[in-house]
C-alpha atoms as a PDB file:
ATOM      1  CA  MET A   1     124.280  34.958 117.838  1.00  0.00           C
ATOM      2  CA  GLU A   2     123.994  31.510 116.247  1.00  0.00           C
ATOM      3  CA  PRO A   3     120.690  29.640 116.805  1.00  0.00           C
ATOM      4  CA  ILE A   4     122.524  26.680 118.354  1.00  0.00           C
ATOM      5  CA  THR A   5     124.125  29.018 120.915  1.00  0.00           C
ATOM      6  CA  ILE A   6     120.762  30.614 121.773  1.00  0.00           C
ATOM      7  CA  ILE A   7     119.219  27.162 122.235  1.00  0.00           C
ATOM      8  CA  PHE A   8     122.090  26.004 124.458  1.00  0.00           C
ATOM      9  CA  LEU A   9     121.919  29.116 126.667  1.00  0.00           C
ATOM     10  CA  SER A  10     118.117  28.886 126.832  1.00  0.00           C
ATOM     11  CA  CYS A  11     118.416  25.245 127.877  1.00  0.00           C
ATOM     12  CA  LEU A  12     120.812  26.202 130.664  1.00  0.00           C
ATOM     13  CA  ALA A  13     118.026  28.423 132.034  1.00  0.00           C
ATOM     14  CA  LEU A  14     115.416  25.733 131.341  1.00  0.00           C
ATOM     15  CA  GLY A  15     117.477  23.153 133.218  1.00  0.00           C
ATOM     16  CA  THR A  16     117.674  25.479 136.216  1.00  0.00           C
ATOM     17  CA  VAL A  17     113.873  25.733 136.411  1.00  0.00           C
ATOM     18  CA  VAL A  18     113.276  22.056 135.648  1.00  0.00           C
ATOM     19  CA  GLY A  19     115.711  20.932 138.336  1.00  0.00           C
ATOM     20  CA  LEU A  20     114.178  23.178 140.985  1.00  0.00           C
ATOM     21  CA  LEU A  21     110.607  22.070 140.233  1.00  0.00           C
ATOM     22  CA  ALA A  22     111.588  18.409 139.992  1.00  0.00           C
ATOM     23  CA  GLY A  23     113.347  18.624 143.341  1.00  0.00           C
ATOM     24  CA  MET A  24     110.541  20.518 145.059  1.00  0.00           C
ATOM     25  CA  LEU A  25     107.527  18.722 143.602  1.00  0.00           C
ATOM     26  CA  GLY A  26     108.855  15.407 142.357  1.00  0.00           C
ATOM     27  CA  ILE A  27     107.497  15.975 138.850  1.00  0.00           C
ATOM     28  CA  GLY A  28     109.079  14.785 135.626  1.00  0.00           C
ATOM     29  CA  GLY A  29     111.020  17.475 133.820  1.00  0.00           C
ATOM     30  CA  GLY A  30     109.602  16.387 130.470  1.00  0.00           C
ATOM     31  CA  LEU A  31     106.287  18.066 131.266  1.00  0.00           C
ATOM     32  CA  ILE A  32     108.147  21.378 131.021  1.00  0.00           C
ATOM     33  CA  ILE A  33     111.049  20.501 128.709  1.00  0.00           C
ATOM     34  CA  VAL A  34     108.964  19.246 125.775  1.00  0.00           C
ATOM     35  CA  PRO A  35     106.736  22.328 125.236  1.00  0.00           C
ATOM     36  CA  VAL A  36     109.570  24.828 125.868  1.00  0.00           C
ATOM     37  CA  LEU A  37     112.056  22.990 123.661  1.00  0.00           C
ATOM     38  CA  SER A  38     109.429  22.587 120.933  1.00  0.00           C
ATOM     39  CA  TYR A  39     108.915  26.345 120.948  1.00  0.00           C
ATOM     40  CA  LEU A  40     112.662  27.022 120.768  1.00  0.00           C
ATOM     41  CA  LEU A  41     113.301  24.552 117.969  1.00  0.00           C
ATOM     42  CA  ILE A  42     110.450  25.613 115.722  1.00  0.00           C
ATOM     43  CA  HIS A  43     111.358  29.316 116.036  1.00  0.00           C
ATOM     44  CA  LEU A  44     115.163  29.079 115.854  1.00  0.00           C
ATOM     45  CA  LEU A  45     115.803  26.174 113.484  1.00  0.00           C
ATOM     46  CA  PRO A  46     114.335  25.425 110.046  1.00  0.00           C
ATOM     47  CA  LEU A  47     112.367  22.429 111.296  1.00  0.00           C
ATOM     48  CA  SER A  48     108.823  21.310 110.579  1.00  0.00           C
ATOM     49  CA  ALA A  49     106.349  20.374 113.311  1.00  0.00           C
ATOM     50  CA  ASP A  50     106.675  16.730 112.242  1.00  0.00           C
ATOM     51  CA  ILE A  51     110.364  16.809 113.249  1.00  0.00           C
ATOM     52  CA  VAL A  52     110.166  19.201 116.216  1.00  0.00           C
ATOM     53  CA  MET A  53     107.955  17.065 118.464  1.00  0.00           C
ATOM     54  CA  PRO A  54     109.895  13.775 118.275  1.00  0.00           C
ATOM     55  CA  VAL A  55     113.156  15.744 118.711  1.00  0.00           C
ATOM     56  CA  ALA A  56     111.778  17.484 121.823  1.00  0.00           C
ATOM     57  CA  VAL A  57     110.466  14.223 123.300  1.00  0.00           C
ATOM     58  CA  ALA A  58     113.661  12.272 122.539  1.00  0.00           C
ATOM     59  CA  THR A  59     115.871  15.049 123.926  1.00  0.00           C
ATOM     60  CA  SER A  60     113.796  15.237 127.090  1.00  0.00           C
ATOM     61  CA  LEU A  61     114.217  11.481 127.589  1.00  0.00           C
ATOM     62  CA  SER A  62     117.979  11.748 127.072  1.00  0.00           C
ATOM     63  CA  THR A  63     118.299  14.222 129.952  1.00  0.00           C
ATOM     64  CA  ILE A  64     116.710  11.687 132.322  1.00  0.00           C
ATOM     65  CA  ILE A  65     119.643   9.312 131.746  1.00  0.00           C
ATOM     66  CA  PHE A  66     121.833  11.786 133.628  1.00  0.00           C
ATOM     67  CA  THR A  67     119.389  13.132 136.203  1.00  0.00           C
ATOM     68  CA  GLY A  68     117.727   9.765 136.829  1.00  0.00           C
ATOM     69  CA  SER A  69     120.993   7.958 137.526  1.00  0.00           C
ATOM     70  CA  SER A  70     121.694   9.859 140.740  1.00  0.00           C
ATOM     71  CA  SER A  71     118.098   9.428 141.913  1.00  0.00           C
ATOM     72  CA  ALA A  72     118.160   5.679 141.263  1.00  0.00           C
ATOM     73  CA  LEU A  73     121.485   5.333 143.088  1.00  0.00           C
ATOM     74  CA  ALA A  74     120.150   7.281 146.070  1.00  0.00           C
ATOM     75  CA  HIS A  75     117.107   5.004 146.395  1.00  0.00           C
ATOM     76  CA  TYR A  76     119.323   1.926 146.056  1.00  0.00           C
ATOM     77  CA  ARG A  77     121.452   3.135 148.970  1.00  0.00           C
ATOM     78  CA  LEU A  78     118.304   3.854 151.003  1.00  0.00           C
ATOM     79  CA  GLY A  79     117.051   0.304 150.451  1.00  0.00           C
ATOM     80  CA  ASN A  80     113.925   1.439 148.605  1.00  0.00           C
ATOM     81  CA  LEU A  81     114.320  -1.002 145.698  1.00  0.00           C
ATOM     82  CA  LYS A  82     112.299  -4.196 146.127  1.00  0.00           C
ATOM     83  CA  LYS A  83     113.812  -6.779 143.768  1.00  0.00           C
ATOM     84  CA  GLU A  84     110.672  -8.520 142.478  1.00  0.00           C
ATOM     85  CA  LEU A  85     108.860  -5.216 142.036  1.00  0.00           C
ATOM     86  CA  VAL A  86     111.734  -3.565 140.161  1.00  0.00           C
ATOM     87  CA  VAL A  87     112.533  -6.547 137.916  1.00  0.00           C
ATOM     88  CA  THR A  88     108.959  -7.294 136.814  1.00  0.00           C
ATOM     89  CA  THR A  89     107.989  -3.666 136.340  1.00  0.00           C
ATOM     90  CA  GLY A  90     111.354  -2.716 134.837  1.00  0.00           C
ATOM     91  CA  VAL A  91     111.299  -5.333 132.065  1.00  0.00           C
ATOM     92  CA  ALA A  92     107.767  -4.300 131.061  1.00  0.00           C
ATOM     93  CA  ILE A  93     108.690  -0.614 131.220  1.00  0.00           C
ATOM     94  CA  ALA A  94     111.750  -1.136 128.997  1.00  0.00           C
ATOM     95  CA  LEU A  95     109.574  -2.892 126.396  1.00  0.00           C
ATOM     96  CA  GLY A  96     106.937  -0.169 126.668  1.00  0.00           C
ATOM     97  CA  ALA A  97     109.564   2.567 126.240  1.00  0.00           C
ATOM     98  CA  ILE A  98     110.812   0.960 123.012  1.00  0.00           C
ATOM     99  CA  ILE A  99     107.253   0.687 121.687  1.00  0.00           C
ATOM    100  CA  GLY A 100     106.367   4.241 122.736  1.00  0.00           C
ATOM    101  CA  ALA A 101     109.470   5.730 121.109  1.00  0.00           C
ATOM    102  CA  GLN A 102     108.779   3.890 117.849  1.00  0.00           C
ATOM    103  CA  VAL A 103     105.164   5.073 117.852  1.00  0.00           C
ATOM    104  CA  ALA A 104     106.208   8.675 118.607  1.00  0.00           C
ATOM    105  CA  SER A 105     108.731   8.694 115.759  1.00  0.00           C
ATOM    106  CA  SER A 106     106.318   7.195 113.223  1.00  0.00           C
ATOM    107  CA  ILE A 107     103.135   9.243 113.756  1.00  0.00           C
ATOM    108  CA  SER A 108     102.696  12.828 112.580  1.00  0.00           C
ATOM    109  CA  GLY A 109     104.140  15.642 114.686  1.00  0.00           C
ATOM    110  CA  LEU A 110     100.675  17.214 114.925  1.00  0.00           C
ATOM    111  CA  LEU A 111      99.146  14.045 116.376  1.00  0.00           C
ATOM    112  CA  LEU A 112     102.058  13.581 118.790  1.00  0.00           C
ATOM    113  CA  LYS A 113     101.709  17.196 119.929  1.00  0.00           C
ATOM    114  CA  ASN A 114      98.001  16.745 120.642  1.00  0.00           C
ATOM    115  CA  ILE A 115      98.536  13.416 122.437  1.00  0.00           C
ATOM    116  CA  PHE A 116     101.194  15.041 124.620  1.00  0.00           C
ATOM    117  CA  ALA A 117      98.946  18.013 125.432  1.00  0.00           C
ATOM    118  CA  VAL A 118      95.952  15.859 126.406  1.00  0.00           C
ATOM    119  CA  LEU A 119      98.077  13.570 128.600  1.00  0.00           C
ATOM    120  CA  VAL A 120      99.640  16.585 130.346  1.00  0.00           C
ATOM    121  CA  ILE A 121      96.145  17.877 131.176  1.00  0.00           C
ATOM    122  CA  LEU A 122      95.285  14.482 132.710  1.00  0.00           C
ATOM    123  CA  ILE A 123      98.513  14.450 134.755  1.00  0.00           C
ATOM    124  CA  ALA A 124      97.846  18.032 135.880  1.00  0.00           C
ATOM    125  CA  ALA A 125      94.365  16.976 137.035  1.00  0.00           C
ATOM    126  CA  GLN A 126      95.917  14.112 139.002  1.00  0.00           C
ATOM    127  CA  MET A 127      98.357  16.575 140.594  1.00  0.00           C
ATOM    128  CA  ILE A 128      95.462  18.777 141.717  1.00  0.00           C
ATOM    129  CA  PHE A 129      93.013  16.155 142.977  1.00  0.00           C
ATOM    130  CA  ASN A 130      95.610  13.530 143.996  1.00  0.00           C
ATOM    131  CA  LYS A 131      93.172  10.885 145.262  1.00  0.00           C
ATOM    132  CA  ARG A 132      94.888   7.953 146.991  1.00  0.00           C
ATOM    133  CA  GLU A 133      92.199   5.260 146.897  1.00  0.00           C
ATOM    134  CA  ALA A 134      93.519   1.703 146.890  1.00  0.00           C
ATOM    135  CA  SER A 135      92.408  -1.294 144.843  1.00  0.00           C
ATOM    136  CA  ARG A 136      91.248  -4.449 146.572  1.00  0.00           C
ATOM    137  CA  PHE A 137      93.643  -6.342 144.258  1.00  0.00           C
ATOM    138  CA  PRO A 138      97.257  -6.419 145.495  1.00  0.00           C
ATOM    139  CA  ALA A 139     100.071  -6.118 142.958  1.00  0.00           C
ATOM    140  CA  ASN A 140     101.144  -9.411 141.341  1.00  0.00           C
ATOM    141  CA  ARG A 141     103.328 -10.124 138.330  1.00  0.00           C
ATOM    142  CA  PRO A 142     100.611  -9.757 135.643  1.00  0.00           C
ATOM    143  CA  ILE A 143      99.396  -6.487 137.190  1.00  0.00           C
ATOM    144  CA  LEU A 144     102.961  -5.159 137.494  1.00  0.00           C
ATOM    145  CA  ALA A 145     103.683  -6.122 133.883  1.00  0.00           C
ATOM    146  CA  ILE A 146     100.588  -4.295 132.624  1.00  0.00           C
ATOM    147  CA  VAL A 147     101.333  -1.226 134.765  1.00  0.00           C
ATOM    148  CA  GLY A 148     104.944  -1.214 133.568  1.00  0.00           C
ATOM    149  CA  LEU A 149     104.052  -1.608 129.894  1.00  0.00           C
ATOM    150  CA  PHE A 150     101.474   1.194 130.095  1.00  0.00           C
ATOM    151  CA  THR A 151     103.896   3.494 131.931  1.00  0.00           C
ATOM    152  CA  GLY A 152     106.709   2.798 129.480  1.00  0.00           C
ATOM    153  CA  VAL A 153     104.619   3.500 126.377  1.00  0.00           C
ATOM    154  CA  ILE A 154     103.065   6.716 127.690  1.00  0.00           C
ATOM    155  CA  SER A 155     106.341   7.989 129.166  1.00  0.00           C
ATOM    156  CA  ALA A 156     108.257   7.478 125.916  1.00  0.00           C
ATOM    157  CA  LEU A 157     105.466   9.209 123.989  1.00  0.00           C
ATOM    158  CA  MET A 158     105.725  12.201 126.343  1.00  0.00           C
ATOM    159  CA  GLY A 159     109.455  12.284 127.079  1.00  0.00           C
ATOM    160  CA  ILE A 160     108.995  11.915 130.845  1.00  0.00           C
ATOM    161  CA  GLY A 161     110.477   9.650 133.503  1.00  0.00           C
ATOM    162  CA  GLY A 162     107.114   8.115 134.347  1.00  0.00           C
ATOM    163  CA  GLY A 163     107.016   8.767 138.089  1.00  0.00           C
ATOM    164  CA  ALA A 164     103.823  10.827 137.817  1.00  0.00           C
ATOM    165  CA  LEU A 165     102.129   7.757 136.317  1.00  0.00           C
ATOM    166  CA  LEU A 166     103.871   4.860 138.030  1.00  0.00           C
ATOM    167  CA  VAL A 167     103.790   5.936 141.687  1.00  0.00           C
ATOM    168  CA  PRO A 168      99.982   6.488 141.887  1.00  0.00           C
ATOM    169  CA  LEU A 169      99.364   3.225 139.977  1.00  0.00           C
ATOM    170  CA  LEU A 170     101.608   1.166 142.251  1.00  0.00           C
ATOM    171  CA  ILE A 171     100.102   2.708 145.381  1.00  0.00           C
ATOM    172  CA  PHE A 172      96.631   1.951 143.967  1.00  0.00           C
ATOM    173  CA  PHE A 173      97.630  -1.725 143.821  1.00  0.00           C
ATOM    174  CA  GLN A 174      98.720  -1.686 147.478  1.00  0.00           C
ATOM    175  CA  VAL A 175     102.478  -1.239 146.968  1.00  0.00           C
ATOM    176  CA  ASN A 176     104.249   0.464 149.876  1.00  0.00           C
ATOM    177  CA  MET A 177     104.835   4.154 149.029  1.00  0.00           C
ATOM    178  CA  ARG A 178     108.580   3.990 149.743  1.00  0.00           C
ATOM    179  CA  HIS A 179     108.949   0.994 147.427  1.00  0.00           C
ATOM    180  CA  ALA A 180     106.742   2.656 144.784  1.00  0.00           C
ATOM    181  CA  ILE A 181     108.907   5.795 144.744  1.00  0.00           C
ATOM    182  CA  GLY A 182     112.107   3.714 144.611  1.00  0.00           C
ATOM    183  CA  CYS A 183     110.704   1.634 141.763  1.00  0.00           C
ATOM    184  CA  ALA A 184     109.732   4.815 139.889  1.00  0.00           C
ATOM    185  CA  ALA A 185     113.263   6.166 140.275  1.00  0.00           C
ATOM    186  CA  ILE A 186     114.935   3.133 138.710  1.00  0.00           C
ATOM    187  CA  SER A 187     112.134   2.745 136.153  1.00  0.00           C
ATOM    188  CA  GLY A 188     112.679   6.311 134.984  1.00  0.00           C
ATOM    189  CA  LEU A 189     116.234   5.316 134.151  1.00  0.00           C
ATOM    190  CA  PHE A 190     114.984   2.268 132.200  1.00  0.00           C
ATOM    191  CA  ILE A 191     112.558   4.473 130.263  1.00  0.00           C
ATOM    192  CA  ALA A 192     115.296   6.998 129.502  1.00  0.00           C
ATOM    193  CA  LEU A 193     117.853   4.416 128.362  1.00  0.00           C
ATOM    194  CA  PHE A 194     115.602   2.270 126.189  1.00  0.00           C
ATOM    195  CA  GLY A 195     113.444   5.146 124.955  1.00  0.00           C
ATOM    196  CA  THR A 196     116.450   7.278 123.987  1.00  0.00           C
ATOM    197  CA  ALA A 197     118.158   4.377 122.221  1.00  0.00           C
ATOM    198  CA  SER A 198     114.970   3.681 120.280  1.00  0.00           C
ATOM    199  CA  PHE A 199     114.656   7.350 119.257  1.00  0.00           C
ATOM    200  CA  VAL A 200     118.317   7.408 118.159  1.00  0.00           C
ATOM    201  CA  LEU A 201     117.781   4.366 115.926  1.00  0.00           C
ATOM    202  CA  ALA A 202     114.467   5.669 114.567  1.00  0.00           C
ATOM    203  CA  GLY A 203     115.996   8.993 113.530  1.00  0.00           C
ATOM    204  CA  TRP A 204     119.399   7.734 112.401  1.00  0.00           C
ATOM    205  CA  GLY A 205     120.346   9.148 108.996  1.00  0.00           C
ATOM    206  CA  ASN A 206     117.263  11.366 108.697  1.00  0.00           C
ATOM    207  CA  PRO A 207     118.442  14.338 106.569  1.00  0.00           C
ATOM    208  CA  ALA A 208     115.752  16.621 108.011  1.00  0.00           C
ATOM    209  CA  LEU A 209     117.340  16.578 111.475  1.00  0.00           C
ATOM    210  CA  PRO A 210     119.505  19.558 112.547  1.00  0.00           C
ATOM    211  CA  GLU A 211     123.265  19.591 113.014  1.00  0.00           C
ATOM    212  CA  GLY A 212     124.118  18.374 116.501  1.00  0.00           C
ATOM    213  CA  ALA A 213     121.401  15.715 116.527  1.00  0.00           C
ATOM    214  CA  VAL A 214     122.118  12.029 117.091  1.00  0.00           C
ATOM    215  CA  GLY A 215     119.024  10.387 115.750  1.00  0.00           C
ATOM    216  CA  TYR A 216     116.162  12.428 117.231  1.00  0.00           C
ATOM    217  CA  VAL A 217     118.236  13.494 120.261  1.00  0.00           C
ATOM    218  CA  TYR A 218     119.436  17.106 119.976  1.00  0.00           C
ATOM    219  CA  LEU A 219     122.671  17.101 121.985  1.00  0.00           C
ATOM    220  CA  PRO A 220     123.137  20.896 122.491  1.00  0.00           C
ATOM    221  CA  ALA A 221     119.788  20.986 124.300  1.00  0.00           C
ATOM    222  CA  THR A 222     120.534  17.798 126.262  1.00  0.00           C
ATOM    223  CA  PHE A 223     123.846  19.116 127.564  1.00  0.00           C
ATOM    224  CA  GLY A 224     122.396  22.556 128.374  1.00  0.00           C
ATOM    225  CA  ILE A 225     119.519  21.150 130.421  1.00  0.00           C
ATOM    226  CA  VAL A 226     121.639  18.574 132.256  1.00  0.00           C
ATOM    227  CA  ALA A 227     124.441  21.058 133.057  1.00  0.00           C
ATOM    228  CA  THR A 228     122.163  23.020 135.404  1.00  0.00           C
ATOM    229  CA  SER A 229     119.363  20.629 136.402  1.00  0.00           C
ATOM    230  CA  ILE A 230     121.704  18.166 138.143  1.00  0.00           C
ATOM    231  CA  PHE A 231     122.615  20.924 140.588  1.00  0.00           C
ATOM    232  CA  THR A 232     119.272  22.688 141.029  1.00  0.00           C
ATOM    233  CA  ALA A 233     117.402  19.421 141.698  1.00  0.00           C
ATOM    234  CA  ASN A 234     119.275  19.138 145.002  1.00  0.00           C
ATOM    235  CA  TRP A 235     118.455  22.757 145.856  1.00  0.00           C
ATOM    236  CA  GLY A 236     114.814  22.135 144.968  1.00  0.00           C
ATOM    237  CA  ALA A 237     114.658  19.114 147.268  1.00  0.00           C
ATOM    238  CA  LYS A 238     115.913  21.253 150.151  1.00  0.00           C
ATOM    239  CA  LEU A 239     113.488  24.085 149.337  1.00  0.00           C
ATOM    240  CA  GLY A 240     110.661  21.569 149.205  1.00  0.00           C
ATOM    241  CA  GLN A 241     111.211  20.810 152.877  1.00  0.00           C
ATOM    242  CA  LYS A 242     110.546  24.463 153.779  1.00  0.00           C
ATOM    243  CA  THR A 243     107.863  25.453 151.256  1.00  0.00           C
ATOM    244  CA  ASN A 244     104.131  24.851 150.992  1.00  0.00           C
ATOM    245  CA  THR A 245     104.491  22.765 147.843  1.00  0.00           C
ATOM    246  CA  ARG A 246     100.769  21.951 147.669  1.00  0.00           C
ATOM    247  CA  VAL A 247      99.914  25.501 146.567  1.00  0.00           C
ATOM    248  CA  LEU A 248     102.887  25.574 144.189  1.00  0.00           C
ATOM    249  CA  LYS A 249     101.788  22.259 142.700  1.00  0.00           C
ATOM    250  CA  TRP A 250      98.326  23.666 142.001  1.00  0.00           C
ATOM    251  CA  ILE A 251      99.816  26.716 140.309  1.00  0.00           C
ATOM    252  CA  LEU A 252     102.117  24.541 138.202  1.00  0.00           C
ATOM    253  CA  ALA A 253      99.251  22.207 137.268  1.00  0.00           C
ATOM    254  CA  ALA A 254      97.175  25.197 136.130  1.00  0.00           C
ATOM    255  CA  LEU A 255     100.142  26.463 134.087  1.00  0.00           C
ATOM    256  CA  LEU A 256     100.561  23.027 132.474  1.00  0.00           C
ATOM    257  CA  VAL A 257      96.897  23.067 131.441  1.00  0.00           C
ATOM    258  CA  VAL A 258      97.302  26.502 129.838  1.00  0.00           C
ATOM    259  CA  VAL A 259     100.459  25.386 128.005  1.00  0.00           C
ATOM    260  CA  SER A 260      98.720  22.213 126.816  1.00  0.00           C
ATOM    261  CA  ILE A 261      95.755  24.142 125.446  1.00  0.00           C
ATOM    262  CA  ARG A 262      98.219  26.464 123.695  1.00  0.00           C
ATOM    263  CA  MET A 263      99.970  23.449 122.161  1.00  0.00           C
ATOM    264  CA  ILE A 264      96.678  22.048 120.894  1.00  0.00           C
ATOM    265  CA  SER A 265      95.824  25.393 119.289  1.00  0.00           C
ATOM    266  CA  GLY A 266      99.252  25.505 117.599  1.00  0.00           C
ATOM    267  CA  LEU A 267     102.961  25.532 118.360  1.00  0.00           C
ATOM    268  CA  GLU A 268     103.622  28.771 116.547  1.00  0.00           C
END
């Protein structure tokens, strides 16, 4: 079987898992997509670690364009998008996503891998402890701009939608939870669009990239993940209403820590 076929079929299975977990726990799929796709690419294609990591991150971001669109539309219909919040944060996030994608495509694959692994450990810790203390400073435009820029840069570096970062930060600055989640939904789409476009431009014409890649985005993996995750996310959301997700979130956080440590020690 051709490597591209194995990757596509593997990504169909990956999308199934990612969609379920995203629906149940509200986590970004990139936390799972990037390490799994990195493993697949480095073992099935003749790619170096310097190419594998930006390809995995860019491809993960590209999937959010499809999955994030339905989420953003749903929150729009529910009235969860507060105009000033979305506009101020969104512009900063778009700029941050462009910067993050350019940084990710210009640094070494080894450094990007280690940055990703350390940030995943921090997000996993936040998932476990999940403290909801609030700042005495309410959100204003400068604060929203800084939060958005930070979220955009880190999310593009990691290939995630940014909800795991943005929602706790907005709540910390006294933003209503419903508005914070709605803002994160539309912001994830901004990150995906601007981050993916930046990765496409950064990798355009690179002869080291595999067949099927558009810039750093590897389309066979994108289509495989999206084909199943758009369906299983809805199933996961329904399961989340009936399951003790707190225990599952702890288990997943522990697994993410193990995977991150494994990435630091080496992809192979």
